Amino acid sequence: MAGFRAGQAFVIRFELQPRERIQPEHGQVELYLNWLPNDQAGSLLEMEVHGPYVTLAPDAEASAKETWIVRRYDGPDRRDAQLAFLATMLAEAGIEP
């Protein structure tokens, strides 16, 4: 999952879960947007990842892993340019798109 803003690319990497492992009222990825065209500082984009939904016994544990990456992005504000940048990032990390 990636977002581009103010000369930066923000990427969250996570393991894709089967739909049946995610809480039924949610998706694995949820995006919330409160865009105020005349107030960028007051605008909000929330990028959220849900891990597997499990019922735990007392004292049991569950975990999920996310990797966050922030990189400088000087490219144009166009989808094709941003996708090309992300493909380069993945290749540099040895990850197939």
PDB file of N, CA and C in Angstrom:
ATOM      1  N   MET A   1       0.869  -1.154   0.000  1.00  0.00           N
ATOM      2  CA  MET A   1       0.000   0.000   0.000  1.00  0.00           C
ATOM      3  C   MET A   1       0.911   1.209   0.000  1.00  0.00           C
ATOM      4  N   ALA A   2       0.590   2.215  -0.824  1.00  0.00           N
ATOM      5  CA  ALA A   2       1.480   3.371  -0.928  1.00  0.00           C
ATOM      6  C   ALA A   2       0.682   4.663  -1.023  1.00  0.00           C
ATOM      7  N   GLY A   3       1.278   5.713  -0.488  1.00  0.00           N
ATOM      8  CA  GLY A   3       0.725   7.053  -0.600  1.00  0.00           C
ATOM      9  C   GLY A   3       1.838   8.010  -0.972  1.00  0.00           C
ATOM     10  N   PHE A   4       1.527   9.003  -1.769  1.00  0.00           N
ATOM     11  CA  PHE A   4       2.499  10.009  -2.197  1.00  0.00           C
ATOM     12  C   PHE A   4       2.015  11.381  -1.752  1.00  0.00           C
ATOM     13  N   ARG A   5       2.921  12.153  -1.128  1.00  0.00           N
ATOM     14  CA  ARG A   5       2.544  13.493  -0.655  1.00  0.00           C
ATOM     15  C   ARG A   5       3.794  14.270  -0.293  1.00  0.00           C
ATOM     16  N   ALA A   6       3.810  15.521  -0.653  1.00  0.00           N
ATOM     17  CA  ALA A   6       4.841  16.474  -0.219  1.00  0.00           C
ATOM     18  C   ALA A   6       6.264  15.964  -0.472  1.00  0.00           C
ATOM     19  N   GLY A   7       6.494  15.408  -1.665  1.00  0.00           N
ATOM     20  CA  GLY A   7       7.840  14.966  -2.009  1.00  0.00           C
ATOM     21  C   GLY A   7       8.260  13.667  -1.357  1.00  0.00           C
ATOM     22  N   GLN A   8       7.296  12.892  -0.868  1.00  0.00           N
ATOM     23  CA  GLN A   8       7.620  11.627  -0.217  1.00  0.00           C
ATOM     24  C   GLN A   8       6.695  10.513  -0.724  1.00  0.00           C
ATOM     25  N   ALA A   9       7.242   9.300  -0.707  1.00  0.00           N
ATOM     26  CA  ALA A   9       6.447   8.094  -0.931  1.00  0.00           C
ATOM     27  C   ALA A   9       6.426   7.341   0.387  1.00  0.00           C
ATOM     28  N   PHE A  10       5.247   6.978   0.841  1.00  0.00           N
ATOM     29  CA  PHE A  10       5.083   6.223   2.083  1.00  0.00           C
ATOM     30  C   PHE A  10       4.508   4.869   1.696  1.00  0.00           C
ATOM     31  N   VAL A  11       5.238   3.793   2.025  1.00  0.00           N
ATOM     32  CA  VAL A  11       4.842   2.447   1.633  1.00  0.00           C
ATOM     33  C   VAL A  11       4.698   1.585   2.885  1.00  0.00           C
ATOM     34  N   ILE A  12       3.609   0.827   2.941  1.00  0.00           N
ATOM     35  CA  ILE A  12       3.406  -0.150   4.002  1.00  0.00           C
ATOM     36  C   ILE A  12       3.335  -1.525   3.333  1.00  0.00           C
ATOM     37  N   ARG A  13       4.271  -2.392   3.704  1.00  0.00           N
ATOM     38  CA  ARG A  13       4.287  -3.771   3.190  1.00  0.00           C
ATOM     39  C   ARG A  13       3.721  -4.700   4.259  1.00  0.00           C
ATOM     40  N   PHE A  14       2.944  -5.708   3.806  1.00  0.00           N
ATOM     41  CA  PHE A  14       2.314  -6.650   4.728  1.00  0.00           C
ATOM     42  C   PHE A  14       1.969  -7.915   3.963  1.00  0.00           C
ATOM     43  N   GLU A  15       1.720  -8.988   4.704  1.00  0.00           N
ATOM     44  CA  GLU A  15       1.346 -10.255   4.082  1.00  0.00           C
ATOM     45  C   GLU A  15      -0.142 -10.242   3.743  1.00  0.00           C
ATOM     46  N   LEU A  16      -0.455 -10.557   2.505  1.00  0.00           N
ATOM     47  CA  LEU A  16      -1.849 -10.622   2.071  1.00  0.00           C
ATOM     48  C   LEU A  16      -2.519 -11.819   2.725  1.00  0.00           C
ATOM     49  N   GLN A  17      -3.675 -11.588   3.332  1.00  0.00           N
ATOM     50  CA  GLN A  17      -4.424 -12.632   4.026  1.00  0.00           C
ATOM     51  C   GLN A  17      -5.634 -13.052   3.189  1.00  0.00           C
ATOM     52  N   PRO A  18      -6.035 -14.331   3.272  1.00  0.00           N
ATOM     53  CA  PRO A  18      -7.287 -14.728   2.616  1.00  0.00           C
ATOM     54  C   PRO A  18      -8.458 -13.983   3.252  1.00  0.00           C
ATOM     55  N   ARG A  19      -9.475 -13.690   2.485  1.00  0.00           N
ATOM     56  CA  ARG A  19     -10.630 -12.918   2.953  1.00  0.00           C
ATOM     57  C   ARG A  19     -11.229 -13.499   4.232  1.00  0.00           C
ATOM     58  N   GLU A  20     -11.267 -14.821   4.325  1.00  0.00           N
ATOM     59  CA  GLU A  20     -11.887 -15.453   5.497  1.00  0.00           C
ATOM     60  C   GLU A  20     -11.080 -15.262   6.783  1.00  0.00           C
ATOM     61  N   ARG A  21      -9.854 -14.766   6.688  1.00  0.00           N
ATOM     62  CA  ARG A  21      -9.042 -14.516   7.892  1.00  0.00           C
ATOM     63  C   ARG A  21      -9.185 -13.081   8.401  1.00  0.00           C
ATOM     64  N   ILE A  22      -9.948 -12.260   7.692  1.00  0.00           N
ATOM     65  CA  ILE A  22     -10.139 -10.853   8.083  1.00  0.00           C
ATOM     66  C   ILE A  22     -11.515 -10.703   8.732  1.00  0.00           C
ATOM     67  N   GLN A  23     -11.591  -9.886   9.770  1.00  0.00           N
ATOM     68  CA  GLN A  23     -12.857  -9.659  10.480  1.00  0.00           C
ATOM     69  C   GLN A  23     -13.947  -9.321   9.461  1.00  0.00           C
ATOM     70  N   PRO A  24     -15.111  -9.971   9.518  1.00  0.00           N
ATOM     71  CA  PRO A  24     -16.140  -9.832   8.488  1.00  0.00           C
ATOM     72  C   PRO A  24     -16.619  -8.409   8.204  1.00  0.00           C
ATOM     73  N   GLU A  25     -16.546  -7.510   9.165  1.00  0.00           N
ATOM     74  CA  GLU A  25     -17.024  -6.138   8.944  1.00  0.00           C
ATOM     75  C   GLU A  25     -15.916  -5.212   8.449  1.00  0.00           C
ATOM     76  N   HIS A  26     -14.741  -5.765   8.162  1.00  0.00           N
ATOM     77  CA  HIS A  26     -13.608  -4.957   7.719  1.00  0.00           C
ATOM     78  C   HIS A  26     -12.965  -5.572   6.492  1.00  0.00           C
ATOM     79  N   GLY A  27     -12.084  -4.807   5.877  1.00  0.00           N
ATOM     80  CA  GLY A  27     -11.222  -5.322   4.830  1.00  0.00           C
ATOM     81  C   GLY A  27      -9.815  -5.384   5.378  1.00  0.00           C
ATOM     82  N   GLN A  28      -8.919  -6.077   4.682  1.00  0.00           N
ATOM     83  CA  GLN A  28      -7.548  -6.107   5.166  1.00  0.00           C
ATOM     84  C   GLN A  28      -6.922  -4.723   5.069  1.00  0.00           C
ATOM     85  N   VAL A  29      -7.295  -3.975   4.044  1.00  0.00           N
ATOM     86  CA  VAL A  29      -6.827  -2.594   3.886  1.00  0.00           C
ATOM     87  C   VAL A  29      -8.039  -1.683   3.938  1.00  0.00           C
ATOM     88  N   GLU A  30      -7.945  -0.636   4.738  1.00  0.00           N
ATOM     89  CA  GLU A  30      -9.006   0.366   4.794  1.00  0.00           C
ATOM     90  C   GLU A  30      -8.375   1.743   4.659  1.00  0.00           C
ATOM     91  N   LEU A  31      -8.994   2.563   3.847  1.00  0.00           N
ATOM     92  CA  LEU A  31      -8.538   3.936   3.623  1.00  0.00           C
ATOM     93  C   LEU A  31      -9.636   4.890   4.052  1.00  0.00           C
ATOM     94  N   TYR A  32      -9.257   5.902   4.808  1.00  0.00           N
ATOM     95  CA  TYR A  32     -10.184   6.949   5.228  1.00  0.00           C
ATOM     96  C   TYR A  32      -9.649   8.272   4.698  1.00  0.00           C
ATOM     97  N   LEU A  33     -10.513   9.026   4.042  1.00  0.00           N
ATOM     98  CA  LEU A  33     -10.081  10.292   3.456  1.00  0.00           C
ATOM     99  C   LEU A  33     -11.019  11.405   3.885  1.00  0.00           C
ATOM    100  N   ASN A  34     -10.463  12.463   4.437  1.00  0.00           N
ATOM    101  CA  ASN A  34     -11.196  13.686   4.731  1.00  0.00           C
ATOM    102  C   ASN A  34     -10.427  14.803   4.033  1.00  0.00           C
ATOM    103  N   TRP A  35     -10.728  15.020   2.762  1.00  0.00           N
ATOM    104  CA  TRP A  35      -9.995  15.972   1.932  1.00  0.00           C
ATOM    105  C   TRP A  35     -10.663  17.331   1.978  1.00  0.00           C
ATOM    106  N   LEU A  36      -9.910  18.330   2.398  1.00  0.00           N
ATOM    107  CA  LEU A  36     -10.397  19.705   2.441  1.00  0.00           C
ATOM    108  C   LEU A  36      -9.573  20.504   1.436  1.00  0.00           C
ATOM    109  N   PRO A  37     -10.095  20.748   0.237  1.00  0.00           N
ATOM    110  CA  PRO A  37      -9.305  21.381  -0.830  1.00  0.00           C
ATOM    111  C   PRO A  37      -8.650  22.706  -0.434  1.00  0.00           C
ATOM    112  N   ASN A  38      -9.282  23.456   0.441  1.00  0.00           N
ATOM    113  CA  ASN A  38      -8.726  24.752   0.841  1.00  0.00           C
ATOM    114  C   ASN A  38      -7.972  24.687   2.166  1.00  0.00           C
ATOM    115  N   ASP A  39      -7.780  23.474   2.699  1.00  0.00           N
ATOM    116  CA  ASP A  39      -7.087  23.316   3.974  1.00  0.00           C
ATOM    117  C   ASP A  39      -6.316  21.995   3.970  1.00  0.00           C
ATOM    118  N   GLN A  40      -5.210  21.968   3.228  1.00  0.00           N
ATOM    119  CA  GLN A  40      -4.440  20.724   3.136  1.00  0.00           C
ATOM    120  C   GLN A  40      -3.913  20.280   4.501  1.00  0.00           C
ATOM    121  N   ALA A  41      -3.530  21.217   5.344  1.00  0.00           N
ATOM    122  CA  ALA A  41      -3.010  20.862   6.669  1.00  0.00           C
ATOM    123  C   ALA A  41      -4.094  20.209   7.522  1.00  0.00           C
ATOM    124  N   GLY A  42      -5.339  20.575   7.293  1.00  0.00           N
ATOM    125  CA  GLY A  42      -6.439  19.999   8.054  1.00  0.00           C
ATOM    126  C   GLY A  42      -7.021  18.747   7.416  1.00  0.00           C
ATOM    127  N   SER A  43      -6.515  18.371   6.235  1.00  0.00           N
ATOM    128  CA  SER A  43      -6.989  17.168   5.555  1.00  0.00           C
ATOM    129  C   SER A  43      -6.352  15.931   6.178  1.00  0.00           C
ATOM    130  N   LEU A  44      -6.967  14.779   5.928  1.00  0.00           N
ATOM    131  CA  LEU A  44      -6.479  13.547   6.526  1.00  0.00           C
ATOM    132  C   LEU A  44      -6.625  12.392   5.552  1.00  0.00           C
ATOM    133  N   LEU A  45      -5.576  11.584   5.438  1.00  0.00           N
ATOM    134  CA  LEU A  45      -5.636  10.290   4.761  1.00  0.00           C
ATOM    135  C   LEU A  45      -5.108   9.267   5.747  1.00  0.00           C
ATOM    136  N   GLU A  46      -5.943   8.303   6.115  1.00  0.00           N
ATOM    137  CA  GLU A  46      -5.520   7.235   7.015  1.00  0.00           C
ATOM    138  C   GLU A  46      -5.430   5.940   6.215  1.00  0.00           C
ATOM    139  N   MET A  47      -4.286   5.280   6.293  1.00  0.00           N
ATOM    140  CA  MET A  47      -4.065   4.003   5.616  1.00  0.00           C
ATOM    141  C   MET A  47      -3.913   2.946   6.710  1.00  0.00           C
ATOM    142  N   GLU A  48      -4.828   1.981   6.728  1.00  0.00           N
ATOM    143  CA  GLU A  48      -4.885   1.016   7.830  1.00  0.00           C
ATOM    144  C   GLU A  48      -4.824  -0.404   7.285  1.00  0.00           C
ATOM    145  N   VAL A  49      -4.059  -1.258   7.959  1.00  0.00           N
ATOM    146  CA  VAL A  49      -3.950  -2.675   7.598  1.00  0.00           C
ATOM    147  C   VAL A  49      -4.450  -3.507   8.772  1.00  0.00           C
ATOM    148  N   HIS A  50      -5.321  -4.476   8.486  1.00  0.00           N
ATOM    149  CA  HIS A  50      -5.812  -5.392   9.511  1.00  0.00           C
ATOM    150  C   HIS A  50      -5.116  -6.732   9.346  1.00  0.00           C
ATOM    151  N   GLY A  51      -4.664  -7.296  10.460  1.00  0.00           N
ATOM    152  CA  GLY A  51      -4.088  -8.629  10.463  1.00  0.00           C
ATOM    153  C   GLY A  51      -5.179  -9.671  10.592  1.00  0.00           C
ATOM    154  N   PRO A  52      -4.787 -10.933  10.677  1.00  0.00           N
ATOM    155  CA  PRO A  52      -5.771 -12.009  10.809  1.00  0.00           C
ATOM    156  C   PRO A  52      -6.657 -11.823  12.045  1.00  0.00           C
ATOM    157  N   TYR A  53      -7.914 -12.143  11.884  1.00  0.00           N
ATOM    158  CA  TYR A  53      -8.908 -12.041  12.942  1.00  0.00           C
ATOM    159  C   TYR A  53      -8.971 -13.389  13.655  1.00  0.00           C
ATOM    160  N   VAL A  54      -8.611 -13.398  14.918  1.00  0.00           N
ATOM    161  CA  VAL A  54      -8.582 -14.652  15.680  1.00  0.00           C
ATOM    162  C   VAL A  54      -9.216 -14.436  17.051  1.00  0.00           C
ATOM    163  N   THR A  55      -9.745 -15.515  17.612  1.00  0.00           N
ATOM    164  CA  THR A  55     -10.226 -15.510  18.985  1.00  0.00           C
ATOM    165  C   THR A  55      -9.115 -16.080  19.854  1.00  0.00           C
ATOM    166  N   LEU A  56      -8.744 -15.332  20.862  1.00  0.00           N
ATOM    167  CA  LEU A  56      -7.629 -15.746  21.715  1.00  0.00           C
ATOM    168  C   LEU A  56      -8.122 -16.209  23.077  1.00  0.00           C
ATOM    169  N   ALA A  57      -7.492 -17.246  23.556  1.00  0.00           N
ATOM    170  CA  ALA A  57      -7.730 -17.694  24.924  1.00  0.00           C
ATOM    171  C   ALA A  57      -6.999 -16.737  25.860  1.00  0.00           C
ATOM    172  N   PRO A  58      -7.376 -16.706  27.138  1.00  0.00           N
ATOM    173  CA  PRO A  58      -6.649 -15.860  28.086  1.00  0.00           C
ATOM    174  C   PRO A  58      -5.144 -16.144  28.034  1.00  0.00           C
ATOM    175  N   ASP A  59      -4.364 -15.104  28.050  1.00  0.00           N
ATOM    176  CA  ASP A  59      -2.903 -15.156  28.010  1.00  0.00           C
ATOM    177  C   ASP A  59      -2.327 -15.610  26.670  1.00  0.00           C
ATOM    178  N   ALA A  60      -3.158 -15.834  25.668  1.00  0.00           N
ATOM    179  CA  ALA A  60      -2.657 -16.190  24.338  1.00  0.00           C
ATOM    180  C   ALA A  60      -2.209 -14.923  23.619  1.00  0.00           C
ATOM    181  N   GLU A  61      -1.464 -15.095  22.551  1.00  0.00           N
ATOM    182  CA  GLU A  61      -0.944 -13.959  21.786  1.00  0.00           C
ATOM    183  C   GLU A  61      -1.212 -14.147  20.298  1.00  0.00           C
ATOM    184  N   ALA A  62      -1.270 -13.048  19.604  1.00  0.00           N
ATOM    185  CA  ALA A  62      -1.346 -13.038  18.144  1.00  0.00           C
ATOM    186  C   ALA A  62      -0.424 -11.927  17.667  1.00  0.00           C
ATOM    187  N   SER A  63       0.037 -12.029  16.438  1.00  0.00           N
ATOM    188  CA  SER A  63       0.900 -10.975  15.915  1.00  0.00           C
ATOM    189  C   SER A  63       0.681 -10.825  14.415  1.00  0.00           C
ATOM    190  N   ALA A  64       1.036  -9.685  13.929  1.00  0.00           N
ATOM    191  CA  ALA A  64       1.024  -9.384  12.499  1.00  0.00           C
ATOM    192  C   ALA A  64       2.222  -8.479  12.242  1.00  0.00           C
ATOM    193  N   LYS A  65       2.708  -8.475  11.030  1.00  0.00           N
ATOM    194  CA  LYS A  65       3.905  -7.699  10.717  1.00  0.00           C
ATOM    195  C   LYS A  65       3.626  -6.728   9.572  1.00  0.00           C
ATOM    196  N   GLU A  66       4.093  -5.502   9.750  1.00  0.00           N
ATOM    197  CA  GLU A  66       4.071  -4.479   8.708  1.00  0.00           C
ATOM    198  C   GLU A  66       5.470  -3.905   8.607  1.00  0.00           C
ATOM    199  N   THR A  67       5.862  -3.538   7.414  1.00  0.00           N
ATOM    200  CA  THR A  67       7.120  -2.830   7.213  1.00  0.00           C
ATOM    201  C   THR A  67       6.786  -1.488   6.584  1.00  0.00           C
ATOM    202  N   TRP A  68       7.214  -0.421   7.227  1.00  0.00           N
ATOM    203  CA  TRP A  68       6.964   0.934   6.727  1.00  0.00           C
ATOM    204  C   TRP A  68       8.244   1.469   6.097  1.00  0.00           C
ATOM    205  N   ILE A  69       8.088   2.081   4.930  1.00  0.00           N
ATOM    206  CA  ILE A  69       9.221   2.680   4.218  1.00  0.00           C
ATOM    207  C   ILE A  69       8.807   4.078   3.783  1.00  0.00           C
ATOM    208  N   VAL A  70       9.669   5.036   4.033  1.00  0.00           N
ATOM    209  CA  VAL A  70       9.456   6.406   3.542  1.00  0.00           C
ATOM    210  C   VAL A  70      10.646   6.748   2.659  1.00  0.00           C
ATOM    211  N   ARG A  71      10.349   7.171   1.438  1.00  0.00           N
ATOM    212  CA  ARG A  71      11.412   7.543   0.501  1.00  0.00           C
ATOM    213  C   ARG A  71      11.084   8.896  -0.122  1.00  0.00           C
ATOM    214  N   ARG A  72      12.123   9.625  -0.448  1.00  0.00           N
ATOM    215  CA  ARG A  72      11.952  10.888  -1.170  1.00  0.00           C
ATOM    216  C   ARG A  72      11.406  10.580  -2.562  1.00  0.00           C
ATOM    217  N   TYR A  73      10.432  11.378  -2.998  1.00  0.00           N
ATOM    218  CA  TYR A  73       9.864  11.228  -4.338  1.00  0.00           C
ATOM    219  C   TYR A  73       9.801  12.596  -4.994  1.00  0.00           C
ATOM    220  N   ASP A  74      10.609  12.766  -6.036  1.00  0.00           N
ATOM    221  CA  ASP A  74      10.654  14.037  -6.753  1.00  0.00           C
ATOM    222  C   ASP A  74       9.924  13.980  -8.087  1.00  0.00           C
ATOM    223  N   GLY A  75       9.275  12.860  -8.361  1.00  0.00           N
ATOM    224  CA  GLY A  75       8.610  12.686  -9.651  1.00  0.00           C
ATOM    225  C   GLY A  75       7.299  13.444  -9.743  1.00  0.00           C
ATOM    226  N   PRO A  76       6.681  13.352 -10.913  1.00  0.00           N
ATOM    227  CA  PRO A  76       5.411  14.052 -11.128  1.00  0.00           C
ATOM    228  C   PRO A  76       4.257  13.391 -10.373  1.00  0.00           C
ATOM    229  N   ASP A  77       3.217  14.157 -10.150  1.00  0.00           N
ATOM    230  CA  ASP A  77       2.018  13.677  -9.454  1.00  0.00           C
ATOM    231  C   ASP A  77       1.098  13.012 -10.475  1.00  0.00           C
ATOM    232  N   ARG A  78       1.605  11.899 -11.038  1.00  0.00           N
ATOM    233  CA  ARG A  78       0.840  11.123 -12.023  1.00  0.00           C
ATOM    234  C   ARG A  78       0.928   9.646 -11.645  1.00  0.00           C
ATOM    235  N   ARG A  79      -0.149   8.939 -11.852  1.00  0.00           N
ATOM    236  CA  ARG A  79      -0.214   7.524 -11.478  1.00  0.00           C
ATOM    237  C   ARG A  79       0.880   6.709 -12.151  1.00  0.00           C
ATOM    238  N   ASP A  80       1.102   6.907 -13.457  1.00  0.00           N
ATOM    239  CA  ASP A  80       2.106   6.108 -14.161  1.00  0.00           C
ATOM    240  C   ASP A  80       3.505   6.326 -13.592  1.00  0.00           C
ATOM    241  N   ALA A  81       3.832   7.553 -13.243  1.00  0.00           N
ATOM    242  CA  ALA A  81       5.152   7.855 -12.673  1.00  0.00           C
ATOM    243  C   ALA A  81       5.283   7.252 -11.277  1.00  0.00           C
ATOM    244  N   GLN A  82       4.225   7.326 -10.495  1.00  0.00           N
ATOM    245  CA  GLN A  82       4.264   6.768  -9.140  1.00  0.00           C
ATOM    246  C   GLN A  82       4.372   5.245  -9.178  1.00  0.00           C
ATOM    247  N   LEU A  83       3.648   4.598 -10.106  1.00  0.00           N
ATOM    248  CA  LEU A  83       3.755   3.142 -10.246  1.00  0.00           C
ATOM    249  C   LEU A  83       5.160   2.726 -10.676  1.00  0.00           C
ATOM    250  N   ALA A  84       5.765   3.491 -11.577  1.00  0.00           N
ATOM    251  CA  ALA A  84       7.136   3.198 -12.009  1.00  0.00           C
ATOM    252  C   ALA A  84       8.103   3.333 -10.835  1.00  0.00           C
ATOM    253  N   PHE A  85       7.909   4.351 -10.018  1.00  0.00           N
ATOM    254  CA  PHE A  85       8.748   4.549  -8.831  1.00  0.00           C
ATOM    255  C   PHE A  85       8.599   3.366  -7.869  1.00  0.00           C
ATOM    256  N   LEU A  86       7.359   2.925  -7.634  1.00  0.00           N
ATOM    257  CA  LEU A  86       7.119   1.782  -6.752  1.00  0.00           C
ATOM    258  C   LEU A  86       7.742   0.507  -7.310  1.00  0.00           C
ATOM    259  N   ALA A  87       7.663   0.304  -8.633  1.00  0.00           N
ATOM    260  CA  ALA A  87       8.269  -0.872  -9.255  1.00  0.00           C
ATOM    261  C   ALA A  87       9.785  -0.865  -9.046  1.00  0.00           C
ATOM    262  N   THR A  88      10.397   0.307  -9.142  1.00  0.00           N
ATOM    263  CA  THR A  88      11.835   0.423  -8.891  1.00  0.00           C
ATOM    264  C   THR A  88      12.151   0.098  -7.434  1.00  0.00           C
ATOM    265  N   MET A  89      11.352   0.613  -6.513  1.00  0.00           N
ATOM    266  CA  MET A  89      11.554   0.315  -5.096  1.00  0.00           C
ATOM    267  C   MET A  89      11.479  -1.188  -4.823  1.00  0.00           C
ATOM    268  N   LEU A  90      10.483  -1.845  -5.421  1.00  0.00           N
ATOM    269  CA  LEU A  90      10.329  -3.292  -5.230  1.00  0.00           C
ATOM    270  C   LEU A  90      11.529  -4.040  -5.797  1.00  0.00           C
ATOM    271  N   ALA A  91      11.950  -3.658  -7.003  1.00  0.00           N
ATOM    272  CA  ALA A  91      13.103  -4.307  -7.618  1.00  0.00           C
ATOM    273  C   ALA A  91      14.361  -4.144  -6.770  1.00  0.00           C
ATOM    274  N   GLU A  92      14.563  -2.954  -6.236  1.00  0.00           N
ATOM    275  CA  GLU A  92      15.738  -2.704  -5.388  1.00  0.00           C
ATOM    276  C   GLU A  92      15.710  -3.558  -4.126  1.00  0.00           C
ATOM    277  N   ALA A  93      14.496  -3.872  -3.643  1.00  0.00           N
ATOM    278  CA  ALA A  93      14.352  -4.687  -2.442  1.00  0.00           C
ATOM    279  C   ALA A  93      14.321  -6.180  -2.768  1.00  0.00           C
ATOM    280  N   GLY A  94      14.418  -6.530  -4.068  1.00  0.00           N
ATOM    281  CA  GLY A  94      14.385  -7.930  -4.468  1.00  0.00           C
ATOM    282  C   GLY A  94      13.008  -8.547  -4.401  1.00  0.00           C
ATOM    283  N   ILE A  95      11.970  -7.716  -4.536  1.00  0.00           N
ATOM    284  CA  ILE A  95      10.585  -8.180  -4.453  1.00  0.00           C
ATOM    285  C   ILE A  95       9.958  -8.116  -5.841  1.00  0.00           C
ATOM    286  N   GLU A  96       9.324  -9.206  -6.255  1.00  0.00           N
ATOM    287  CA  GLU A  96       8.640  -9.214  -7.547  1.00  0.00           C
ATOM    288  C   GLU A  96       7.297  -8.532  -7.403  1.00  0.00           C
ATOM    289  N   PRO A  97       6.941  -7.661  -8.347  1.00  0.00           N
ATOM    290  CA  PRO A  97       5.631  -6.972  -8.263  1.00  0.00           C
ATOM    291  C   PRO A  97       4.470  -7.914  -8.459  1.00  0.00           C
TER     292      PRO A  97
END
